[in-house]
PDB file of all heavy atoms in Angstrom:
ATOM      1  N   ILE A   1      -1.958 -10.654   1.736  1.00  0.00           N
ATOM      2  CA  ILE A   1      -2.787  -9.819   0.865  1.00  0.00           C
ATOM      3  C   ILE A   1      -2.627 -10.253  -0.585  1.00  0.00           C
ATOM      4  O   ILE A   1      -3.604 -10.349  -1.341  1.00  0.00           O
ATOM      5  CB  ILE A   1      -2.413  -8.338   1.023  1.00  0.00           C
ATOM      6  CG1 ILE A   1      -2.704  -7.867   2.440  1.00  0.00           C
ATOM      7  CG2 ILE A   1      -3.175  -7.469   0.025  1.00  0.00           C
ATOM      8  CD1 ILE A   1      -2.172  -6.471   2.728  1.00  0.00           C
ATOM      9  N   ALA A   2      -1.380 -10.529  -0.989  1.00  0.00           N
ATOM     10  CA  ALA A   2      -1.129 -10.952  -2.371  1.00  0.00           C
ATOM     11  C   ALA A   2      -1.858 -12.253  -2.684  1.00  0.00           C
ATOM     12  O   ALA A   2      -2.438 -12.412  -3.765  1.00  0.00           O
ATOM     13  CB  ALA A   2       0.368 -11.101  -2.597  1.00  0.00           C
ATOM     14  N   ALA A   3      -1.829 -13.197  -1.731  1.00  0.00           N
ATOM     15  CA  ALA A   3      -2.515 -14.470  -1.946  1.00  0.00           C
ATOM     16  C   ALA A   3      -4.026 -14.272  -2.034  1.00  0.00           C
ATOM     17  O   ALA A   3      -4.696 -14.863  -2.897  1.00  0.00           O
ATOM     18  CB  ALA A   3      -2.167 -15.438  -0.813  1.00  0.00           C
ATOM     19  N   ALA A   4      -4.570 -13.420  -1.158  1.00  0.00           N
ATOM     20  CA  ALA A   4      -6.014 -13.184  -1.165  1.00  0.00           C
ATOM     21  C   ALA A   4      -6.468 -12.475  -2.435  1.00  0.00           C
ATOM     22  O   ALA A   4      -7.552 -12.757  -2.966  1.00  0.00           O
ATOM     23  CB  ALA A   4      -6.411 -12.371   0.067  1.00  0.00           C
ATOM     24  N   ASP A   5      -5.630 -11.562  -2.931  1.00  0.00           N
ATOM     25  CA  ASP A   5      -6.008 -10.788  -4.119  1.00  0.00           C
ATOM     26  C   ASP A   5      -5.603 -11.464  -5.423  1.00  0.00           C
ATOM     27  O   ASP A   5      -6.027 -11.030  -6.501  1.00  0.00           O
ATOM     28  CB  ASP A   5      -5.348  -9.399  -4.078  1.00  0.00           C
ATOM     29  CG  ASP A   5      -5.868  -8.531  -2.940  1.00  0.00           C
ATOM     30  OD1 ASP A   5      -6.878  -8.916  -2.332  1.00  0.00           O
ATOM     31  OD2 ASP A   5      -5.252  -7.478  -2.673  1.00  0.00           O
ATOM     32  N   GLY A   6      -4.745 -12.491  -5.338  1.00  0.00           N
ATOM     33  CA  GLY A   6      -4.241 -13.103  -6.558  1.00  0.00           C
ATOM     34  C   GLY A   6      -3.347 -12.167  -7.352  1.00  0.00           C
ATOM     35  O   GLY A   6      -3.329 -12.185  -8.579  1.00  0.00           O
ATOM     36  N   GLU A   7      -2.584 -11.305  -6.626  1.00  0.00           N
ATOM     37  CA  GLU A   7      -1.719 -10.303  -7.248  1.00  0.00           C
ATOM     38  C   GLU A   7      -0.285 -10.463  -6.743  1.00  0.00           C
ATOM     39  O   GLU A   7      -0.062 -10.919  -5.619  1.00  0.00           O
ATOM     40  CB  GLU A   7      -2.200  -8.882  -6.920  1.00  0.00           C
ATOM     41  CG  GLU A   7      -3.557  -8.517  -7.507  1.00  0.00           C
ATOM     42  CD  GLU A   7      -3.458  -8.104  -8.967  1.00  0.00           C
ATOM     43  OE1 GLU A   7      -2.361  -8.194  -9.556  1.00  0.00           O
ATOM     44  OE2 GLU A   7      -4.493  -7.700  -9.525  1.00  0.00           O
ATOM     45  N   ASN A   8       0.673 -10.050  -7.576  1.00  0.00           N
ATOM     46  CA  ASN A   8       2.082 -10.096  -7.164  1.00  0.00           C
ATOM     47  C   ASN A   8       2.459  -8.774  -6.498  1.00  0.00           C
ATOM     48  O   ASN A   8       3.328  -8.044  -6.950  1.00  0.00           O
ATOM     49  CB  ASN A   8       2.987 -10.384  -8.370  1.00  0.00           C
ATOM     50  CG  ASN A   8       2.826  -9.367  -9.494  1.00  0.00           C
ATOM     51  OD1 ASN A   8       1.806  -8.684  -9.597  1.00  0.00           O
ATOM     52  ND2 ASN A   8       3.818  -9.259 -10.354  1.00  0.00           N
ATOM     53  N   TRP A   9       1.812  -8.466  -5.364  1.00  0.00           N
ATOM     54  CA  TRP A   9       1.994  -7.175  -4.706  1.00  0.00           C
ATOM     55  C   TRP A   9       3.420  -7.018  -4.164  1.00  0.00           C
ATOM     56  O   TRP A   9       3.995  -7.941  -3.598  1.00  0.00           O
ATOM     57  CB  TRP A   9       1.019  -7.006  -3.545  1.00  0.00           C
ATOM     58  CG  TRP A   9      -0.427  -6.821  -3.897  1.00  0.00           C
ATOM     59  CD1 TRP A   9      -1.479  -7.506  -3.358  1.00  0.00           C
ATOM     60  CD2 TRP A   9      -0.984  -5.892  -4.824  1.00  0.00           C
ATOM     61  NE1 TRP A   9      -2.660  -7.067  -3.889  1.00  0.00           N
ATOM     62  CE2 TRP A   9      -2.390  -6.067  -4.794  1.00  0.00           C
ATOM     63  CE3 TRP A   9      -0.459  -4.937  -5.677  1.00  0.00           C
ATOM     64  CZ2 TRP A   9      -3.254  -5.329  -5.589  1.00  0.00           C
ATOM     65  CZ3 TRP A   9      -1.323  -4.191  -6.474  1.00  0.00           C
ATOM     66  CH2 TRP A   9      -2.696  -4.384  -6.425  1.00  0.00           C
ATOM     67  N   VAL A  10       3.942  -5.807  -4.328  1.00  0.00           N
ATOM     68  CA  VAL A  10       5.207  -5.400  -3.730  1.00  0.00           C
ATOM     69  C   VAL A  10       4.943  -4.153  -2.889  1.00  0.00           C
ATOM     70  O   VAL A  10       4.273  -3.217  -3.354  1.00  0.00           O
ATOM     71  CB  VAL A  10       6.275  -5.097  -4.808  1.00  0.00           C
ATOM     72  CG1 VAL A  10       7.550  -4.558  -4.170  1.00  0.00           C
ATOM     73  CG2 VAL A  10       6.574  -6.352  -5.618  1.00  0.00           C
ATOM     74  N   TRP A  11       5.456  -4.154  -1.676  1.00  0.00           N
ATOM     75  CA  TRP A  11       5.256  -3.022  -0.760  1.00  0.00           C
ATOM     76  C   TRP A  11       5.886  -1.758  -1.338  1.00  0.00           C
ATOM     77  O   TRP A  11       7.030  -1.757  -1.772  1.00  0.00           O
ATOM     78  CB  TRP A  11       5.875  -3.349   0.584  1.00  0.00           C
ATOM     79  CG  TRP A  11       5.790  -2.250   1.620  1.00  0.00           C
ATOM     80  CD1 TRP A  11       6.781  -1.397   1.978  1.00  0.00           C
ATOM     81  CD2 TRP A  11       4.662  -1.925   2.439  1.00  0.00           C
ATOM     82  NE1 TRP A  11       6.351  -0.542   2.977  1.00  0.00           N
ATOM     83  CE2 TRP A  11       5.051  -0.841   3.281  1.00  0.00           C
ATOM     84  CE3 TRP A  11       3.375  -2.426   2.552  1.00  0.00           C
ATOM     85  CZ2 TRP A  11       4.191  -0.282   4.208  1.00  0.00           C
ATOM     86  CZ3 TRP A  11       2.520  -1.860   3.490  1.00  0.00           C
ATOM     87  CH2 TRP A  11       2.919  -0.803   4.293  1.00  0.00           C
ATOM     88  N   ALA A  12       5.132  -0.658  -1.344  1.00  0.00           N
ATOM     89  CA  ALA A  12       5.638   0.612  -1.871  1.00  0.00           C
ATOM     90  C   ALA A  12       5.569   1.732  -0.847  1.00  0.00           C
ATOM     91  O   ALA A  12       5.831   2.891  -1.183  1.00  0.00           O
ATOM     92  CB  ALA A  12       4.876   1.007  -3.133  1.00  0.00           C
ATOM     93  N   GLY A  13       5.213   1.412   0.412  1.00  0.00           N
ATOM     94  CA  GLY A  13       5.254   2.423   1.462  1.00  0.00           C
ATOM     95  C   GLY A  13       3.890   2.810   1.981  1.00  0.00           C
ATOM     96  O   GLY A  13       2.850   2.354   1.491  1.00  0.00           O
ATOM     97  N   ALA A  14       3.906   3.671   2.997  1.00  0.00           N
ATOM     98  CA  ALA A  14       2.671   4.120   3.631  1.00  0.00           C
ATOM     99  C   ALA A  14       2.807   5.577   4.042  1.00  0.00           C
ATOM    100  O   ALA A  14       3.823   5.970   4.633  1.00  0.00           O
ATOM    101  CB  ALA A  14       2.337   3.261   4.852  1.00  0.00           C
ATOM    102  N   GLU A  15       1.817   6.379   3.739  1.00  0.00           N
ATOM    103  CA  GLU A  15       1.739   7.777   4.164  1.00  0.00           C
ATOM    104  C   GLU A  15       0.836   7.818   5.389  1.00  0.00           C
ATOM    105  O   GLU A  15      -0.366   7.526   5.307  1.00  0.00           O
ATOM    106  CB  GLU A  15       1.167   8.633   3.027  1.00  0.00           C
ATOM    107  CG  GLU A  15       0.916  10.077   3.383  1.00  0.00           C
ATOM    108  CD  GLU A  15       2.192  10.892   3.529  1.00  0.00           C
ATOM    109  OE1 GLU A  15       3.252  10.425   3.075  1.00  0.00           O
ATOM    110  OE2 GLU A  15       2.127  11.998   4.098  1.00  0.00           O
ATOM    111  N   VAL A  16       1.401   8.160   6.549  1.00  0.00           N
ATOM    112  CA  VAL A  16       0.672   8.078   7.813  1.00  0.00           C
ATOM    113  C   VAL A  16       0.204   9.465   8.238  1.00  0.00           C
ATOM    114  O   VAL A  16       0.952  10.447   8.134  1.00  0.00           O
ATOM    115  CB  VAL A  16       1.555   7.446   8.904  1.00  0.00           C
ATOM    116  CG1 VAL A  16       0.796   7.340  10.223  1.00  0.00           C
ATOM    117  CG2 VAL A  16       2.032   6.062   8.459  1.00  0.00           C
ATOM    118  N   LEU A  17      -1.021   9.537   8.689  1.00  0.00           N
ATOM    119  CA  LEU A  17      -1.614  10.793   9.149  1.00  0.00           C
ATOM    120  C   LEU A  17      -0.868  11.321  10.369  1.00  0.00           C
ATOM    121  O   LEU A  17      -0.659  10.593  11.346  1.00  0.00           O
ATOM    122  CB  LEU A  17      -3.094  10.568   9.495  1.00  0.00           C
ATOM    123  CG  LEU A  17      -3.858  11.759  10.083  1.00  0.00           C
ATOM    124  CD1 LEU A  17      -3.990  12.886   9.062  1.00  0.00           C
ATOM    125  CD2 LEU A  17      -5.242  11.313  10.569  1.00  0.00           C
ATOM    126  N   GLU A  18      -0.465  12.579  10.316  1.00  0.00           N
ATOM    127  CA  GLU A  18       0.208  13.224  11.445  1.00  0.00           C
ATOM    128  C   GLU A  18      -0.674  14.345  11.977  1.00  0.00           C
ATOM    129  O   GLU A  18      -1.489  14.908  11.256  1.00  0.00           O
ATOM    130  CB  GLU A  18       1.566  13.782  10.991  1.00  0.00           C
ATOM    131  CG  GLU A  18       2.540  12.710  10.519  1.00  0.00           C
ATOM    132  CD  GLU A  18       3.877  13.284  10.075  1.00  0.00           C
ATOM    133  OE1 GLU A  18       4.088  14.509  10.230  1.00  0.00           O
ATOM    134  OE2 GLU A  18       4.699  12.530   9.566  1.00  0.00           O
ATOM    135  N   PRO A  19      -0.569  14.671  13.270  1.00  0.00           N
ATOM    136  CA  PRO A  19       0.390  14.105  14.239  1.00  0.00           C
ATOM    137  C   PRO A  19      -0.158  12.980  15.100  1.00  0.00           C
ATOM    138  O   PRO A  19       0.513  12.562  16.039  1.00  0.00           O
ATOM    139  CB  PRO A  19       0.716  15.326  15.109  1.00  0.00           C
ATOM    140  CG  PRO A  19      -0.557  16.116  15.125  1.00  0.00           C
ATOM    141  CD  PRO A  19      -1.189  15.907  13.780  1.00  0.00           C
ATOM    142  N   ASP A  20      -1.400  12.469  14.798  1.00  0.00           N
ATOM    143  CA  ASP A  20      -1.923  11.431  15.701  1.00  0.00           C
ATOM    144  C   ASP A  20      -1.669  10.009  15.195  1.00  0.00           C
ATOM    145  O   ASP A  20      -1.889   9.044  15.929  1.00  0.00           O
ATOM    146  CB  ASP A  20      -3.418  11.645  15.960  1.00  0.00           C
ATOM    147  CG  ASP A  20      -4.289  11.387  14.738  1.00  0.00           C
ATOM    148  OD1 ASP A  20      -3.745  11.025  13.670  1.00  0.00           O
ATOM    149  OD2 ASP A  20      -5.518  11.542  14.840  1.00  0.00           O
ATOM    150  N   PHE A  21      -1.199   9.841  13.939  1.00  0.00           N
ATOM    151  CA  PHE A  21      -0.778   8.551  13.410  1.00  0.00           C
ATOM    152  C   PHE A  21      -1.875   7.494  13.515  1.00  0.00           C
ATOM    153  O   PHE A  21      -1.608   6.327  13.778  1.00  0.00           O
ATOM    154  CB  PHE A  21       0.494   8.066  14.128  1.00  0.00           C
ATOM    155  CG  PHE A  21       1.600   9.086  14.138  1.00  0.00           C
ATOM    156  CD1 PHE A  21       1.835   9.864  15.273  1.00  0.00           C
ATOM    157  CD2 PHE A  21       2.376   9.294  13.020  1.00  0.00           C
ATOM    158  CE1 PHE A  21       2.842  10.815  15.279  1.00  0.00           C
ATOM    159  CE2 PHE A  21       3.378  10.247  13.025  1.00  0.00           C
ATOM    160  CZ  PHE A  21       3.618  11.011  14.152  1.00  0.00           C
ATOM    161  N   SER A  22      -3.108   7.891  13.244  1.00  0.00           N
ATOM    162  CA  SER A  22      -4.238   6.982  13.395  1.00  0.00           C
ATOM    163  C   SER A  22      -4.645   6.301  12.097  1.00  0.00           C
ATOM    164  O   SER A  22      -5.335   5.271  12.126  1.00  0.00           O
ATOM    165  CB  SER A  22      -5.446   7.739  13.962  1.00  0.00           C
ATOM    166  OG  SER A  22      -5.811   8.806  13.089  1.00  0.00           O
ATOM    167  N   LEU A  23      -4.251   6.865  10.947  1.00  0.00           N
ATOM    168  CA  LEU A  23      -4.628   6.317   9.647  1.00  0.00           C
ATOM    169  C   LEU A  23      -3.412   6.321   8.729  1.00  0.00           C
ATOM    170  O   LEU A  23      -2.461   7.087   8.936  1.00  0.00           O
ATOM    171  CB  LEU A  23      -5.747   7.143   9.005  1.00  0.00           C
ATOM    172  CG  LEU A  23      -7.095   7.182   9.720  1.00  0.00           C
ATOM    173  CD1 LEU A  23      -7.989   8.263   9.116  1.00  0.00           C
ATOM    174  CD2 LEU A  23      -7.788   5.811   9.629  1.00  0.00           C
ATOM    175  N   ALA A  24      -3.474   5.473   7.717  1.00  0.00           N
ATOM    176  CA  ALA A  24      -2.387   5.423   6.736  1.00  0.00           C
ATOM    177  C   ALA A  24      -2.959   5.230   5.346  1.00  0.00           C
ATOM    178  O   ALA A  24      -4.025   4.625   5.174  1.00  0.00           O
ATOM    179  CB  ALA A  24      -1.407   4.301   7.066  1.00  0.00           C
ATOM    180  N   LEU A  25      -2.252   5.742   4.360  1.00  0.00           N
ATOM    181  CA  LEU A  25      -2.534   5.467   2.958  1.00  0.00           C
ATOM    182  C   LEU A  25      -1.438   4.522   2.478  1.00  0.00           C
ATOM    183  O   LEU A  25      -0.290   4.921   2.309  1.00  0.00           O
ATOM    184  CB  LEU A  25      -2.544   6.756   2.134  1.00  0.00           C
ATOM    185  CG  LEU A  25      -3.622   7.773   2.532  1.00  0.00           C
ATOM    186  CD1 LEU A  25      -3.369   9.121   1.870  1.00  0.00           C
ATOM    187  CD2 LEU A  25      -5.007   7.246   2.150  1.00  0.00           C
ATOM    188  N   VAL A  26      -1.792   3.255   2.304  1.00  0.00           N
ATOM    189  CA  VAL A  26      -0.832   2.208   1.969  1.00  0.00           C
ATOM    190  C   VAL A  26      -0.753   2.067   0.454  1.00  0.00           C
ATOM    191  O   VAL A  26      -1.780   2.024  -0.238  1.00  0.00           O
ATOM    192  CB  VAL A  26      -1.252   0.877   2.617  1.00  0.00           C
ATOM    193  CG1 VAL A  26      -0.409  -0.276   2.095  1.00  0.00           C
ATOM    194  CG2 VAL A  26      -1.146   0.978   4.132  1.00  0.00           C
ATOM    195  N   GLU A  27       0.469   1.981  -0.066  1.00  0.00           N
ATOM    196  CA  GLU A  27       0.679   1.827  -1.502  1.00  0.00           C
ATOM    197  C   GLU A  27       1.259   0.445  -1.795  1.00  0.00           C
ATOM    198  O   GLU A  27       2.223   0.018  -1.164  1.00  0.00           O
ATOM    199  CB  GLU A  27       1.615   2.909  -2.035  1.00  0.00           C
ATOM    200  CG  GLU A  27       1.035   4.318  -1.896  1.00  0.00           C
ATOM    201  CD  GLU A  27       1.861   5.361  -2.632  1.00  0.00           C
ATOM    202  OE1 GLU A  27       2.048   5.214  -3.853  1.00  0.00           O
ATOM    203  OE2 GLU A  27       2.332   6.294  -1.966  1.00  0.00           O
ATOM    204  N   LEU A  28       0.651  -0.227  -2.761  1.00  0.00           N
ATOM    205  CA  LEU A  28       1.095  -1.537  -3.212  1.00  0.00           C
ATOM    206  C   LEU A  28       1.316  -1.493  -4.715  1.00  0.00           C
ATOM    207  O   LEU A  28       0.532  -0.898  -5.452  1.00  0.00           O
ATOM    208  CB  LEU A  28       0.054  -2.608  -2.874  1.00  0.00           C
ATOM    209  CG  LEU A  28      -0.260  -2.804  -1.389  1.00  0.00           C
ATOM    210  CD1 LEU A  28      -1.471  -3.710  -1.223  1.00  0.00           C
ATOM    211  CD2 LEU A  28       0.944  -3.388  -0.658  1.00  0.00           C
ATOM    212  N   SER A  29       2.399  -2.133  -5.137  1.00  0.00           N
ATOM    213  CA  SER A  29       2.792  -2.100  -6.548  1.00  0.00           C
ATOM    214  C   SER A  29       2.722  -3.502  -7.133  1.00  0.00           C
ATOM    215  O   SER A  29       3.101  -4.476  -6.487  1.00  0.00           O
ATOM    216  CB  SER A  29       4.220  -1.554  -6.669  1.00  0.00           C
ATOM    217  OG  SER A  29       4.813  -1.936  -7.877  1.00  0.00           O
ATOM    218  N   ARG A  30       2.231  -3.598  -8.356  1.00  0.00           N
ATOM    219  CA  ARG A  30       2.249  -4.884  -9.053  1.00  0.00           C
ATOM    220  C   ARG A  30       3.652  -5.130  -9.606  1.00  0.00           C
ATOM    221  O   ARG A  30       4.107  -4.406 -10.486  1.00  0.00           O
ATOM    222  CB  ARG A  30       1.223  -4.910 -10.179  1.00  0.00           C
ATOM    223  CG  ARG A  30      -0.222  -4.982  -9.701  1.00  0.00           C
ATOM    224  CD  ARG A  30      -1.193  -5.108 -10.865  1.00  0.00           C
ATOM    225  NE  ARG A  30      -2.559  -5.305 -10.398  1.00  0.00           N
ATOM    226  CZ  ARG A  30      -3.417  -4.313 -10.120  1.00  0.00           C
ATOM    227  NH1 ARG A  30      -3.029  -3.046 -10.289  1.00  0.00           N
ATOM    228  NH2 ARG A  30      -4.630  -4.575  -9.691  1.00  0.00           N
ATOM    229  N   GLY A  31       4.325  -6.106  -9.039  1.00  0.00           N
ATOM    230  CA  GLY A  31       5.615  -6.511  -9.559  1.00  0.00           C
ATOM    231  C   GLY A  31       6.738  -5.526  -9.346  1.00  0.00           C
ATOM    232  O   GLY A  31       7.801  -5.658  -9.948  1.00  0.00           O
ATOM    233  N   GLY A  32       6.546  -4.507  -8.504  1.00  0.00           N
ATOM    234  CA  GLY A  32       7.617  -3.561  -8.219  1.00  0.00           C
ATOM    235  C   GLY A  32       7.627  -2.331  -9.098  1.00  0.00           C
ATOM    236  O   GLY A  32       8.581  -1.551  -9.065  1.00  0.00           O
ATOM    237  N   ALA A  33       6.582  -2.121  -9.894  1.00  0.00           N
ATOM    238  CA  ALA A  33       6.517  -0.939 -10.754  1.00  0.00           C
ATOM    239  C   ALA A  33       6.381   0.324  -9.916  1.00  0.00           C
ATOM    240  O   ALA A  33       6.014   0.285  -8.738  1.00  0.00           O
ATOM    241  CB  ALA A  33       5.332  -1.061 -11.719  1.00  0.00           C
ATOM    242  N   ASP A  34       6.672   1.479 -10.539  1.00  0.00           N
ATOM    243  CA  ASP A  34       6.471   2.753  -9.846  1.00  0.00           C
ATOM    244  C   ASP A  34       4.989   3.035  -9.627  1.00  0.00           C
ATOM    245  O   ASP A  34       4.608   3.660  -8.634  1.00  0.00           O
ATOM    246  CB  ASP A  34       7.081   3.901 -10.662  1.00  0.00           C
ATOM    247  CG  ASP A  34       8.596   3.932 -10.572  1.00  0.00           C
ATOM    248  OD1 ASP A  34       9.172   3.130  -9.808  1.00  0.00           O
ATOM    249  OD2 ASP A  34       9.213   4.755 -11.270  1.00  0.00           O
ATOM    250  N   ALA A  35       4.148   2.617 -10.555  1.00  0.00           N
ATOM    251  CA  ALA A  35       2.705   2.800 -10.399  1.00  0.00           C
ATOM    252  C   ALA A  35       2.197   1.933  -9.248  1.00  0.00           C
ATOM    253  O   ALA A  35       2.612   0.789  -9.078  1.00  0.00           O
ATOM    254  CB  ALA A  35       1.983   2.443 -11.693  1.00  0.00           C
ATOM    255  N   THR A  36       1.295   2.489  -8.446  1.00  0.00           N
ATOM    256  CA  THR A  36       0.788   1.785  -7.276  1.00  0.00           C
ATOM    257  C   THR A  36      -0.723   1.908  -7.179  1.00  0.00           C
ATOM    258  O   THR A  36      -1.337   2.779  -7.790  1.00  0.00           O
ATOM    259  CB  THR A  36       1.396   2.355  -5.977  1.00  0.00           C
ATOM    260  OG1 THR A  36       0.987   3.729  -5.833  1.00  0.00           O
ATOM    261  CG2 THR A  36       2.916   2.271  -5.989  1.00  0.00           C
ATOM    262  N   VAL A  37      -1.315   1.011  -6.385  1.00  0.00           N
ATOM    263  CA  VAL A  37      -2.677   1.207  -5.913  1.00  0.00           C
ATOM    264  C   VAL A  37      -2.582   1.751  -4.496  1.00  0.00           C
ATOM    265  O   VAL A  37      -1.599   1.513  -3.792  1.00  0.00           O
ATOM    266  CB  VAL A  37      -3.512  -0.088  -5.948  1.00  0.00           C
ATOM    267  CG1 VAL A  37      -3.575  -0.644  -7.358  1.00  0.00           C
ATOM    268  CG2 VAL A  37      -2.952  -1.123  -4.989  1.00  0.00           C
ATOM    269  N   VAL A  38      -3.600   2.496  -4.064  1.00  0.00           N
ATOM    270  CA  VAL A  38      -3.608   3.117  -2.738  1.00  0.00           C
ATOM    271  C   VAL A  38      -4.841   2.646  -1.985  1.00  0.00           C
ATOM    272  O   VAL A  38      -5.955   2.646  -2.537  1.00  0.00           O
ATOM    273  CB  VAL A  38      -3.603   4.653  -2.841  1.00  0.00           C
ATOM    274  CG1 VAL A  38      -3.643   5.284  -1.445  1.00  0.00           C
ATOM    275  CG2 VAL A  38      -2.368   5.137  -3.606  1.00  0.00           C
ATOM    276  N   ARG A  39      -4.633   2.248  -0.715  1.00  0.00           N
ATOM    277  CA  ARG A  39      -5.746   1.820   0.126  1.00  0.00           C
ATOM    278  C   ARG A  39      -5.595   2.450   1.510  1.00  0.00           C
ATOM    279  O   ARG A  39      -4.494   2.466   2.074  1.00  0.00           O
ATOM    280  CB  ARG A  39      -5.769   0.293   0.281  1.00  0.00           C
ATOM    281  CG  ARG A  39      -5.948  -0.479  -1.015  1.00  0.00           C
ATOM    282  CD  ARG A  39      -5.891  -1.977  -0.747  1.00  0.00           C
ATOM    283  NE  ARG A  39      -6.037  -2.752  -1.957  1.00  0.00           N
ATOM    284  CZ  ARG A  39      -5.938  -4.080  -2.016  1.00  0.00           C
ATOM    285  NH1 ARG A  39      -5.676  -4.759  -0.902  1.00  0.00           N
ATOM    286  NH2 ARG A  39      -6.083  -4.716  -3.158  1.00  0.00           N
ATOM    287  N   GLU A  40      -6.698   2.890   2.070  1.00  0.00           N
ATOM    288  CA  GLU A  40      -6.669   3.459   3.420  1.00  0.00           C
ATOM    289  C   GLU A  40      -6.635   2.350   4.458  1.00  0.00           C
ATOM    290  O   GLU A  40      -7.348   1.340   4.342  1.00  0.00           O
ATOM    291  CB  GLU A  40      -7.893   4.349   3.639  1.00  0.00           C
ATOM    292  CG  GLU A  40      -7.865   5.067   4.982  1.00  0.00           C
ATOM    293  CD  GLU A  40      -9.072   5.982   5.184  1.00  0.00           C
ATOM    294  OE1 GLU A  40      -9.912   6.059   4.266  1.00  0.00           O
ATOM    295  OE2 GLU A  40      -9.161   6.599   6.260  1.00  0.00           O
ATOM    296  N   PHE A  41      -5.813   2.577   5.497  1.00  0.00           N
ATOM    297  CA  PHE A  41      -5.595   1.565   6.528  1.00  0.00           C
ATOM    298  C   PHE A  41      -5.768   2.205   7.891  1.00  0.00           C
ATOM    299  O   PHE A  41      -5.243   3.294   8.157  1.00  0.00           O
ATOM    300  CB  PHE A  41      -4.183   0.991   6.387  1.00  0.00           C
ATOM    301  CG  PHE A  41      -3.852  -0.118   7.339  1.00  0.00           C
ATOM    302  CD1 PHE A  41      -4.300  -1.402   7.094  1.00  0.00           C
ATOM    303  CD2 PHE A  41      -3.079   0.123   8.472  1.00  0.00           C
ATOM    304  CE1 PHE A  41      -3.968  -2.437   7.968  1.00  0.00           C
ATOM    305  CE2 PHE A  41      -2.744  -0.899   9.342  1.00  0.00           C
ATOM    306  CZ  PHE A  41      -3.204  -2.189   9.090  1.00  0.00           C
TER     307      PHE A  41
END
């Protein structure tokens, strides 16, 4: 993903829909900062 986006993405976790675990809100951080972008997965 980092190569495709040209970004220094650092994994910041995922919030997964419960209780069926069918979707996630994935957080990616530029360079490890606390601020993140969020994408649905």
